Protein backbone atom coordinates (compact mmCIF):
# COMPACT_ATOMS: atom_id res chain seq x y z
CA MET A 1 89.29 104.58 134.84
CA ASN A 2 92.45 102.50 134.61
CA LEU A 3 92.51 100.00 131.76
CA TYR A 4 95.85 98.49 132.64
CA LYS A 5 96.01 95.39 134.80
CA ASP A 6 99.65 94.23 134.78
CA LEU A 7 102.13 96.57 133.12
CA ILE A 8 105.56 95.14 132.38
CA LEU A 9 108.55 96.25 130.33
CA LEU A 10 108.37 95.38 126.63
CA ASP A 11 111.38 93.13 125.97
CA LYS A 12 112.51 92.27 122.44
CA GLU A 13 113.75 88.86 123.60
CA LYS A 14 110.87 87.81 125.82
CA HIS A 15 108.27 89.28 123.48
CA LYS A 16 109.91 88.54 120.14
CA ASP A 17 106.87 86.54 119.01
CA LEU A 18 104.25 88.89 120.46
CA LYS A 19 101.60 90.04 118.00
CA LEU A 20 99.01 92.79 118.19
CA SER A 21 95.44 92.27 117.04
CA LEU A 22 94.13 94.98 114.73
CA SER A 23 90.48 93.95 115.05
CA GLY A 24 89.60 97.39 116.41
CA ASP A 25 87.12 96.13 119.01
CA LEU A 26 86.98 98.00 122.32
CA PHE A 27 85.48 95.35 124.59
CA PHE A 28 88.51 95.81 126.86
CA ALA A 29 87.15 99.24 127.81
CA LYS A 30 83.53 98.24 128.34
CA SER A 31 83.78 98.58 132.14
CA LEU A 32 85.09 102.16 132.10
CA PRO A 33 82.67 104.78 133.47
CA ALA A 34 84.71 107.65 131.98
CA ILE A 35 87.49 108.13 129.43
CA PRO A 36 90.49 110.44 130.03
CA LEU A 37 90.80 113.07 127.31
CA LEU A 38 93.51 115.20 125.76
CA ILE A 39 92.95 118.91 125.39
CA ASN A 40 93.04 118.70 121.59
CA GLU A 41 90.22 116.17 121.37
CA ILE A 42 87.56 117.63 123.65
CA ALA A 43 85.69 119.24 120.76
CA LEU A 44 85.63 115.91 118.91
CA VAL A 45 84.25 114.03 121.92
CA GLY A 46 82.19 116.81 123.50
CA ASN A 47 79.66 116.83 120.67
CA THR A 48 78.51 113.39 121.85
CA PHE A 49 79.42 112.93 125.51
CA PRO A 50 79.57 115.18 128.61
CA ILE A 51 83.09 116.40 129.37
CA VAL A 52 83.88 117.08 133.03
CA PHE A 53 86.82 117.58 135.38
CA THR A 54 87.92 114.83 137.75
CA ALA A 55 87.77 115.58 141.48
CA ASP A 56 91.40 114.55 141.97
CA LYS A 57 94.01 116.77 143.62
CA GLU A 58 95.47 117.13 140.13
CA PRO A 59 92.32 117.21 137.99
CA GLY A 60 92.05 115.97 134.45
CA LEU A 61 89.45 116.05 131.70
CA VAL A 62 87.24 113.02 131.11
CA ALA A 63 84.23 112.08 129.02
CA LEU A 64 81.36 110.48 130.93
CA VAL A 65 80.38 107.37 128.98
CA SER A 66 78.43 105.34 131.54
CA ILE A 67 75.10 105.71 133.29
CA ASN A 68 73.83 103.38 136.00
CA ASN A 69 76.96 101.21 135.52
CA LYS A 70 76.24 100.78 131.81
CA ASN A 71 78.89 101.92 129.35
CA VAL A 72 76.90 103.32 126.46
CA ALA A 73 79.81 104.45 124.28
CA ILE A 74 80.76 100.95 123.10
CA ASN A 75 78.14 98.98 121.20
CA ALA A 76 77.44 95.24 121.07
CA GLU A 77 80.07 94.81 118.32
CA GLY A 78 82.74 96.44 120.48
CA LYS A 79 82.81 99.63 118.40
CA TRP A 80 82.79 103.25 119.57
CA ILE A 81 79.38 104.70 118.71
CA ALA A 82 80.76 108.05 117.52
CA LYS A 83 83.22 108.82 114.71
CA TYR A 84 86.17 109.83 116.88
CA VAL A 85 87.79 107.30 119.26
CA PRO A 86 89.66 108.92 122.19
CA ALA A 87 93.45 108.59 122.18
CA TYR A 88 93.40 106.91 125.61
CA LEU A 89 91.76 103.88 124.02
CA LYS A 90 93.97 103.98 120.94
CA LYS A 91 97.17 103.69 122.96
CA TYR A 92 96.10 100.64 124.94
CA PRO A 93 97.73 98.14 125.69
CA PHE A 94 100.91 100.25 125.53
CA ALA A 95 102.26 102.95 127.83
CA LEU A 96 105.42 104.99 128.39
CA ALA A 97 107.32 105.27 131.66
CA THR A 98 110.56 106.80 132.91
CA THR A 99 113.37 104.86 134.56
CA GLU A 100 114.70 105.55 138.05
CA LYS A 101 118.23 106.10 136.77
CA ASP A 102 117.31 108.47 133.95
CA SER A 103 114.12 110.52 134.15
CA LEU A 104 114.58 111.63 130.54
CA ASN A 105 114.75 108.07 129.24
CA ARG A 106 111.39 106.58 128.31
CA VAL A 107 110.65 102.86 128.14
CA VAL A 108 107.68 101.08 126.61
CA LEU A 109 105.38 99.09 128.87
CA ILE A 110 102.65 96.66 127.87
CA ASP A 111 99.65 95.13 129.57
CA GLU A 112 100.84 91.59 128.90
CA GLU A 113 97.48 89.96 129.63
CA SER A 114 95.59 92.24 127.24
CA PRO A 115 93.16 90.47 124.89
CA LEU A 116 94.63 92.57 122.07
CA PHE A 117 97.73 90.39 122.01
CA SER A 118 97.17 87.24 119.96
CA ASP A 119 98.84 84.64 117.74
CA THR A 120 97.25 85.98 114.58
CA GLY A 121 97.98 89.69 114.81
CA VAL A 122 100.78 91.92 113.53
CA PRO A 123 104.27 91.23 114.98
CA LEU A 124 105.87 93.90 117.17
CA PHE A 125 109.40 92.85 116.22
CA GLU A 126 111.09 91.86 112.99
CA GLU A 127 112.99 88.58 112.69
CA ASN A 128 116.27 90.45 113.30
CA GLY A 129 114.94 91.80 116.60
CA GLU A 130 114.36 95.33 115.38
CA SER A 131 111.09 97.12 116.13
CA SER A 132 108.46 96.58 113.44
CA LYS A 133 106.98 99.55 111.61
CA ILE A 134 103.79 99.32 113.66
CA LEU A 135 105.75 99.39 116.93
CA VAL A 136 107.69 102.46 115.77
CA ASN A 137 104.38 104.18 115.00
CA ILE A 138 103.00 103.17 118.39
CA ILE A 139 106.01 104.64 120.19
CA ASP A 140 105.64 107.91 118.27
CA PHE A 141 101.95 107.99 119.20
CA LEU A 142 102.73 107.34 122.88
CA SER A 143 105.29 110.14 122.93
CA SER A 144 102.84 112.59 121.36
CA TYR A 145 100.14 111.46 123.80
CA GLU A 146 102.35 112.08 126.84
CA GLN A 147 103.33 115.56 125.65
CA THR A 148 99.72 116.59 125.02
CA MET A 149 98.57 115.06 128.30
CA GLN A 150 101.07 117.24 130.13
CA VAL A 151 99.56 120.34 128.50
CA THR A 152 96.09 119.04 129.38
CA LYS A 153 97.00 118.62 133.05
CA GLU A 154 98.60 122.07 133.21
CA THR A 155 95.50 123.68 131.71
CA ALA A 156 93.15 121.78 134.03
CA ALA A 157 95.31 122.87 136.98
CA ILE A 158 94.99 126.54 135.98
CA ILE A 159 91.21 126.22 135.86
CA SER A 160 91.06 124.32 139.15
CA GLN A 161 93.33 126.75 141.00
CA SER A 162 91.10 129.66 139.95
CA GLY A 163 88.37 128.28 142.23
CA ILE A 164 85.63 128.12 139.61
CA LEU A 165 85.05 124.36 139.75
CA GLU A 166 82.25 122.87 141.83
CA ASP A 167 81.32 119.29 142.74
CA ARG A 168 78.50 117.78 140.75
CA GLU A 169 76.66 114.47 140.57
CA ILE A 170 74.02 112.87 138.40
CA SER A 171 71.08 111.36 140.28
CA ILE A 172 67.44 110.38 139.90
CA GLY A 173 64.61 110.70 142.38
CA GLU A 174 64.28 112.90 145.45
CA GLY A 175 64.58 112.41 149.22
CA LYS A 176 64.67 108.77 150.28
CA GLU A 177 64.07 107.76 146.69
CA LYS A 178 67.17 109.58 145.46
CA ARG A 179 69.75 107.40 143.76
CA VAL A 180 73.15 108.74 142.72
CA LEU A 181 74.20 107.38 139.34
CA ILE A 182 77.47 109.26 138.82
CA LYS A 183 79.55 111.27 141.29
CA GLY A 184 83.13 112.37 141.88
CA PHE A 185 83.44 114.94 139.15
CA LYS A 186 83.43 118.74 138.85
CA VAL A 187 82.10 121.33 136.44
CA VAL A 188 82.68 125.03 135.91
CA ASN A 189 80.43 127.34 137.91
CA LYS A 190 79.31 130.03 135.44
CA GLU A 191 78.84 132.72 138.08
CA LYS A 192 82.34 132.20 139.46
CA LEU A 193 83.70 132.23 135.92
CA HIS A 194 82.07 135.60 135.24
CA ASP A 195 83.45 136.97 138.52
CA LEU A 196 87.06 136.43 137.42
CA SER A 197 89.04 139.60 136.72
CA ASP A 198 89.19 141.05 133.23
CA GLU A 199 92.93 140.38 133.21
CA VAL A 200 92.46 136.65 133.89
CA LEU A 201 89.64 136.32 131.38
CA ALA A 202 91.66 138.12 128.70
CA GLU A 203 94.62 135.82 129.32
CA TRP A 204 92.34 132.77 129.18
CA VAL A 205 90.93 133.94 125.86
CA ARG A 206 94.45 134.23 124.42
CA LYS A 207 95.43 130.78 125.73
CA GLY A 208 92.26 129.09 124.46
CA ILE A 209 91.06 128.23 127.97
CA ILE A 210 87.75 130.01 127.47
CA THR A 211 87.15 127.97 124.33
CA LEU A 212 87.80 124.81 126.33
CA ILE A 213 85.36 125.90 129.03
CA ASP A 214 82.71 126.76 126.44
CA ILE A 215 83.02 123.25 124.95
CA HIS A 216 82.87 121.73 128.43
CA LEU A 217 79.72 123.63 129.40
CA LYS A 218 78.01 122.93 126.07
CA SER A 219 78.83 119.22 126.36
CA LEU A 220 76.90 118.94 129.64
CA GLU A 221 73.74 119.01 127.54
CA ASN A 222 74.69 115.48 126.47
CA ILE A 223 73.94 114.09 129.93
CA GLN A 224 70.43 113.44 128.72
CA LEU A 225 71.91 111.49 125.83
CA LEU A 226 73.49 109.08 128.32
CA PHE A 227 70.03 108.26 129.65
CA SER A 228 68.65 107.82 126.15
CA LEU A 229 71.48 105.50 125.10
CA ALA A 230 71.12 103.47 128.30
CA LYS A 231 67.41 102.92 127.59
CA GLN A 232 68.27 101.72 124.09
C-alpha cells in the first residue's frame, strides 16, 4: 500500500524550480489494493468501500479498493469514483519525517520521481526562496494528517488488543476451485465484541470506538460492490 518510491528531503535550493501539477488525476495510485484511512474519514469512505483492519503487528484502518488485482476506485479518467478522496491520496507526493538529532523537528520529504511534479504546475517556492502559499498549505495538511493518524493507530491498537479481531479473506469457488482474491486483513468478530465487559463497552461508547466498529461492520456489505465495479 506504499505509494512512495524514492523519498528525499525537500530542498529550497535543489528544488527551487519544482512545480506541482494540480490536474487532480490519481493514476499514481491505480496499483494500490487498499487505501490507509484516518479515523475521521471512515464514515465518508465506508459508505462506498469495505473498511477493514490490517493484519500488521500495529494494525491500521484501510479501505479495500481492489478485487482480483483490479483497482475499482479510480476510473479511466484517473478520478476517484466517490465524492470523498481519502487524505492518504491527497498528501502524495509529500510526507513528514523526524530528524535523528531532534525527534520534535519535522522535515518535508517528497517522492522526487512522482508524475505530479511537472514544468507546468504551481511552484513550491517563491523567487526569493520562501515557501509558496500552496507549500505552506501542504505542510499544514501533512501536520494535521500525522496527528490524526496517531489517534487512528492508538484506537486501532485498543481494538486489536481486546482480542475481537479475526482474520478474513475474500475468495471465490470451493475446494480445489477456490481462489483467494484478497487476504491479509482482519474484521471485528461480533460475538467476541458482545462478550466484552460492560465496563469496556461503556468506555468504548464514550470514546466513539463503538461508532467506528459499527461503521466498519456496515461497510463490509460493500464487498459485493467491489465485484460489481470489477465487472463493469
